[in-house]
Protein backbone atom coordinates (compact mmCIF):
# COMPACT_ATOMS: atom_id res chain seq x y z
CA MET A 1 0.04 -0.13 -0.03
CA ASP A 2 1.42 3.38 -0.96
CA LYS A 3 2.27 5.69 2.06
CA GLU A 4 0.47 8.84 2.35
CA LYS A 5 2.26 11.87 1.08
CA HIS A 6 2.10 14.88 3.39
CA VAL A 7 2.40 18.10 1.51
CA ARG A 8 2.10 21.88 2.12
CA LEU A 9 -0.98 23.57 0.43
CA GLU A 10 1.31 25.75 -1.42
CA GLU A 11 2.91 22.69 -3.23
CA ILE A 12 -0.52 21.74 -4.94
CA ILE A 13 -2.58 25.03 -4.86
CA ARG A 14 -1.46 28.10 -6.66
CA PHE A 15 -2.88 31.12 -4.57
CA ASP A 16 -3.27 34.26 -6.27
CA GLU A 17 -1.50 37.59 -5.23
CA ARG A 18 -4.27 38.06 -2.53
CA GLY A 19 -3.71 34.63 -1.09
CA LEU A 20 -7.00 33.31 -2.45
CA VAL A 21 -8.15 30.54 -4.65
CA PRO A 22 -11.70 30.20 -6.10
CA VAL A 23 -13.77 27.10 -5.06
CA VAL A 24 -16.50 25.76 -7.19
CA VAL A 25 -19.06 23.72 -5.18
CA GLN A 26 -20.92 20.66 -6.45
CA ASP A 27 -23.63 18.52 -4.92
CA PHE A 28 -22.52 15.02 -4.19
CA TYR A 29 -25.79 13.44 -5.24
CA SER A 30 -27.19 15.57 -8.11
CA LYS A 31 -23.77 16.87 -9.39
CA ASP A 32 -25.37 20.22 -9.70
CA VAL A 33 -23.05 23.30 -9.19
CA LEU A 34 -24.18 24.89 -6.17
CA MET A 35 -22.06 27.95 -5.78
CA LEU A 36 -18.69 29.88 -6.26
CA ALA A 37 -16.79 31.01 -3.38
CA TYR A 38 -13.07 31.87 -2.29
CA ALA A 39 -10.88 30.31 0.23
CA ASN A 40 -7.43 31.08 1.59
CA ARG A 41 -5.13 28.88 3.43
CA GLU A 42 -6.77 29.05 6.69
CA ALA A 43 -10.15 28.32 5.26
CA ILE A 44 -9.08 25.37 3.44
CA ARG A 45 -7.34 23.92 6.64
CA LYS A 46 -10.48 24.43 8.63
CA THR A 47 -12.33 22.62 6.02
CA LEU A 48 -9.91 19.81 6.28
CA GLU A 49 -10.04 19.84 9.84
CA THR A 50 -13.74 19.95 10.49
CA GLY A 51 -14.96 18.23 7.33
CA TYR A 52 -17.35 21.20 6.59
CA ALA A 53 -16.78 23.93 4.03
CA HIS A 54 -14.96 27.23 5.22
CA TYR A 55 -14.51 30.21 2.95
CA TYR A 56 -12.86 33.50 2.95
CA SER A 57 -15.14 36.56 2.33
CA ARG A 58 -13.62 39.12 0.22
CA SER A 59 -15.96 41.82 1.14
CA ARG A 60 -15.97 41.18 4.83
CA GLN A 61 -12.35 40.02 4.81
CA THR A 62 -12.95 37.30 7.25
CA LEU A 63 -13.05 33.53 7.42
CA TRP A 64 -16.70 31.93 7.47
CA MET A 65 -18.18 28.54 7.58
CA LYS A 66 -21.01 27.71 5.34
CA GLY A 67 -24.24 27.39 7.28
CA GLN A 68 -22.78 28.49 10.65
CA THR A 69 -25.86 30.77 11.15
CA SER A 70 -28.36 29.35 8.85
CA GLY A 71 -27.83 25.71 9.42
CA HIS A 72 -27.33 25.09 5.56
CA THR A 73 -24.00 23.35 5.99
CA GLN A 74 -21.92 21.55 3.51
CA ARG A 75 -20.30 18.28 4.64
CA ILE A 76 -17.20 17.59 2.60
CA LYS A 77 -17.21 14.43 0.53
CA ARG A 78 -14.29 15.20 -1.91
CA ILE A 79 -12.00 17.85 -2.79
CA LEU A 80 -10.27 18.08 -6.11
CA PHE A 81 -7.96 20.60 -7.86
CA ASP A 82 -7.73 21.45 -11.63
CA CYS A 83 -5.00 20.87 -14.02
CA ASP A 84 -3.66 24.53 -13.46
CA GLU A 85 -3.83 24.07 -9.88
CA ASP A 86 -5.50 27.44 -9.28
CA THR A 87 -9.24 26.23 -8.84
CA LEU A 88 -10.69 23.88 -6.20
CA LEU A 89 -13.69 21.79 -6.48
CA TYR A 90 -15.58 20.89 -3.24
CA VAL A 91 -18.07 18.12 -3.50
CA VAL A 92 -20.46 18.35 -0.77
CA GLU A 93 -23.42 16.96 0.78
CA GLN A 94 -25.62 20.24 1.04
CA ARG A 95 -27.99 20.60 3.74
CA GLY A 96 -30.58 23.08 2.84
CA ALA A 97 -30.14 25.91 0.35
CA ALA A 98 -26.63 26.76 -0.93
CA CYS A 99 -27.61 30.10 -2.14
CA HIS A 100 -28.52 33.02 0.27
CA THR A 101 -31.71 33.60 -1.76
CA ASN A 102 -32.86 30.18 -0.36
CA HIS A 103 -32.53 28.46 -3.89
CA ARG A 104 -30.88 24.97 -3.81
CA SER A 105 -28.11 26.54 -6.13
CA CYS A 106 -26.80 30.00 -6.73
CA PHE A 107 -27.24 29.20 -10.56
CA TYR A 108 -31.10 29.07 -10.55
CA ARG A 109 -31.53 31.34 -13.71
CA GLU A 110 -30.39 30.93 -17.32
CA PHE A 111 -28.99 33.75 -19.36
CA TYR A 112 -29.42 31.76 -22.68
CA ARG A 113 -31.08 28.50 -23.56
CA GLY A 114 -29.59 26.99 -26.77
CA MET A 115 -30.84 23.69 -28.31
CA ILE A 116 -28.58 21.19 -29.91
CA ARG A 117 -29.17 20.46 -33.57
CA GLU A 118 -31.42 23.50 -33.95
CA ILE A 119 -30.58 26.75 -35.83
CA GLN A 120 -29.09 29.03 -33.42
CA PRO A 121 -30.23 32.75 -33.59
CA VAL A 122 -27.40 34.95 -35.16
CA LEU A 123 -25.83 36.86 -32.27
CA ASN A 124 -25.17 40.62 -33.02
CA ASP A 125 -24.43 43.67 -31.01
CA ASP A 126 -28.07 44.00 -30.00
CA PHE A 127 -28.34 40.49 -28.56
CA ASP A 128 -28.02 40.79 -24.72
CA GLY A 129 -29.45 37.37 -23.65
CA ILE A 130 -32.69 36.23 -22.32
CA VAL A 131 -33.03 35.39 -18.49
CA TYR A 132 -35.29 32.38 -17.69
CA GLY A 133 -36.39 31.70 -14.21
CA VAL A 134 -35.73 27.98 -13.89
CA GLU A 135 -36.64 25.32 -11.47
CA ARG A 136 -36.07 21.70 -11.66
CA ALA A 137 -38.80 19.39 -11.40
CA ASP A 138 -37.55 18.28 -8.02
CA GLY A 139 -36.91 21.89 -6.97
CA VAL A 140 -40.24 22.16 -5.06
CA MET A 141 -39.30 19.12 -3.04
CA ASP A 142 -36.00 20.82 -2.19
CA ARG A 143 -37.70 23.92 -1.13
CA LEU A 144 -40.23 22.06 0.91
CA TYR A 145 -37.50 20.21 2.49
CA ASP A 146 -35.58 23.24 3.52
CA LEU A 147 -38.72 24.68 5.05
CA LEU A 148 -39.24 21.47 7.18
CA ILE A 149 -35.65 21.62 8.35
CA GLU A 150 -36.37 25.11 9.47
CA ARG A 151 -39.47 23.99 11.13
CA LYS A 152 -37.59 21.24 12.95
CA THR A 153 -34.99 23.63 14.13
CA LEU A 154 -37.26 26.38 15.27
CA LEU A 155 -40.36 24.38 16.40
CA PRO A 156 -42.96 27.30 16.18
CA GLU A 157 -45.96 26.69 18.23
CA GLN A 158 -48.70 26.99 15.57
CA SER A 159 -46.87 24.82 13.08
CA TYR A 160 -48.45 21.21 12.20
CA THR A 161 -45.08 20.26 11.04
CA ALA A 162 -43.38 21.35 14.32
CA LYS A 163 -46.16 19.29 16.12
CA LEU A 164 -45.16 16.09 14.36
CA PHE A 165 -41.49 16.77 15.12
CA ARG A 166 -42.27 17.24 18.85
CA LYS A 167 -44.08 13.94 18.94
CA GLY A 168 -41.38 12.05 17.26
CA ILE A 169 -40.80 9.35 14.70
CA ASN A 170 -43.56 7.04 15.79
CA GLU A 171 -46.05 9.78 14.91
CA ILE A 172 -44.46 10.58 11.64
CA ALA A 173 -44.30 7.04 10.58
CA LYS A 174 -47.98 6.64 11.68
CA LYS A 175 -49.07 9.54 9.60
CA THR A 176 -46.99 8.50 6.59
CA GLY A 177 -48.61 5.09 6.74
CA GLU A 178 -52.14 6.55 6.78
CA GLU A 179 -51.50 8.83 3.93
CA ALA A 180 -50.09 5.74 1.92
CA VAL A 181 -53.21 3.80 2.53
CA GLU A 182 -55.30 6.79 1.43
CA LEU A 183 -53.35 7.07 -1.84
CA VAL A 184 -54.04 3.20 -2.41
CA ILE A 185 -57.62 3.80 -2.11
CA ALA A 186 -57.55 6.73 -4.45
CA LEU A 187 -55.60 4.55 -7.00
CA LYS A 188 -58.15 1.71 -6.80
CA ASP A 189 -61.10 4.26 -7.12
CA ALA A 190 -59.38 5.61 -10.33
CA ASP A 191 -60.00 9.17 -9.23
CA GLN A 192 -57.13 11.12 -10.78
CA GLY A 193 -57.77 14.38 -8.95
CA GLN A 194 -57.84 12.47 -5.51
CA ILE A 195 -54.64 10.42 -6.66
CA VAL A 196 -52.81 13.72 -7.06
CA TYR A 197 -54.06 15.09 -3.75
CA GLU A 198 -53.23 11.94 -1.67
CA ALA A 199 -49.90 11.78 -3.48
CA ALA A 200 -49.04 15.26 -2.35
CA ASP A 201 -49.95 14.51 1.28
CA LEU A 202 -47.88 11.18 1.12
CA LEU A 203 -44.90 13.03 -0.32
CA PHE A 204 -45.18 15.77 2.37
CA HIS A 205 -45.06 13.22 5.22
CA MET A 206 -42.30 11.25 3.73
CA LEU A 207 -40.32 14.55 3.57
CA VAL A 208 -40.99 15.01 7.26
CA GLY A 209 -39.52 11.47 7.83
CA PHE A 210 -36.38 12.51 5.59
CA ALA A 211 -36.03 15.79 7.73
CA HIS A 212 -36.19 13.83 10.93
CA TYR A 213 -33.09 11.92 9.93
CA ASP A 214 -31.56 14.60 7.78
CA ILE A 215 -31.82 12.88 4.62
CA ALA A 216 -31.96 15.11 1.58
CA PRO A 217 -34.34 14.29 -1.27
CA GLU A 218 -31.55 14.23 -3.66
CA ALA A 219 -30.21 11.07 -1.86
CA VAL A 220 -33.25 9.30 -3.00
CA PHE A 221 -33.05 10.73 -6.53
CA ALA A 222 -29.56 9.42 -6.68
CA GLU A 223 -30.64 6.11 -5.71
CA LEU A 224 -33.15 6.02 -8.39
CA ARG A 225 -30.54 7.32 -11.00
CA ARG A 226 -28.35 4.40 -9.71
CA ARG A 227 -31.12 1.81 -10.61
CA PHE A 228 -31.94 3.32 -13.82
CA ASN A 229 -30.12 0.94 -16.02
CA ILE A 230 -30.58 -2.14 -13.63
CA SER A 231 -33.53 -4.38 -14.21
CA GLY A 232 -36.04 -4.70 -11.31
CA GLU A 233 -35.11 -8.32 -10.82
CA THR A 234 -31.57 -7.72 -10.85
CA GLU A 235 -31.87 -4.90 -8.03
CA LYS A 236 -33.94 -7.18 -6.02
CA LYS A 237 -31.48 -10.10 -6.22
CA THR A 238 -28.66 -7.70 -5.40
CA ARG A 239 -30.59 -6.38 -2.43
CA LYS A 240 -31.29 -9.86 -1.04
CA ASP A 241 -27.66 -11.00 -1.57
CA GLY A 242 -26.49 -8.00 0.26
């Protein structure tokens, strides 16, 4: 087995004249780019020591930990550096929103949307781009999950969700089971409107259960992507064998 090589940061990272290096942050599960920030030597050392992302604020000129006040922390899964050794990539398990606007990613708007194999518009001096407000299909679940995490943290008095968290996992599981049964009944009754309604109720209570255990919805999406090219029979056999 190769011995670990201990190196100084300056040996593998080219800091700029201010002692900073840009850090691209990517979601471990979805592979989405979440944000761009900067780090100095101390921020990187804190990140390595704690396992949670730390950065350097150029405006405040101070070290900061992502999520220290909001709870939207970034647990480090991998740290990579590029071929020029002047940019870092933090692959993280994002809890809550990465963006200060409470969007999952800072890159939630598109400037221009081009389609492959379609004729592109001729770009000229008058073309300034088009801004699209974009939300992934699972973006609603992300935003709801973030809200549930907030309810779990603050436990407001008049909140149904907070009441579930106070009663604990047995009550959450009980309500999730009840909603599952109601969805089954709606499916058997072939009532499309009721199916949608009951499915929304079930998803909500499932997300409460996820929040109880700090399991981000993206972890489930990642598992579905893993199974995408695996037959159902193969997946079941693998699960039993494991």
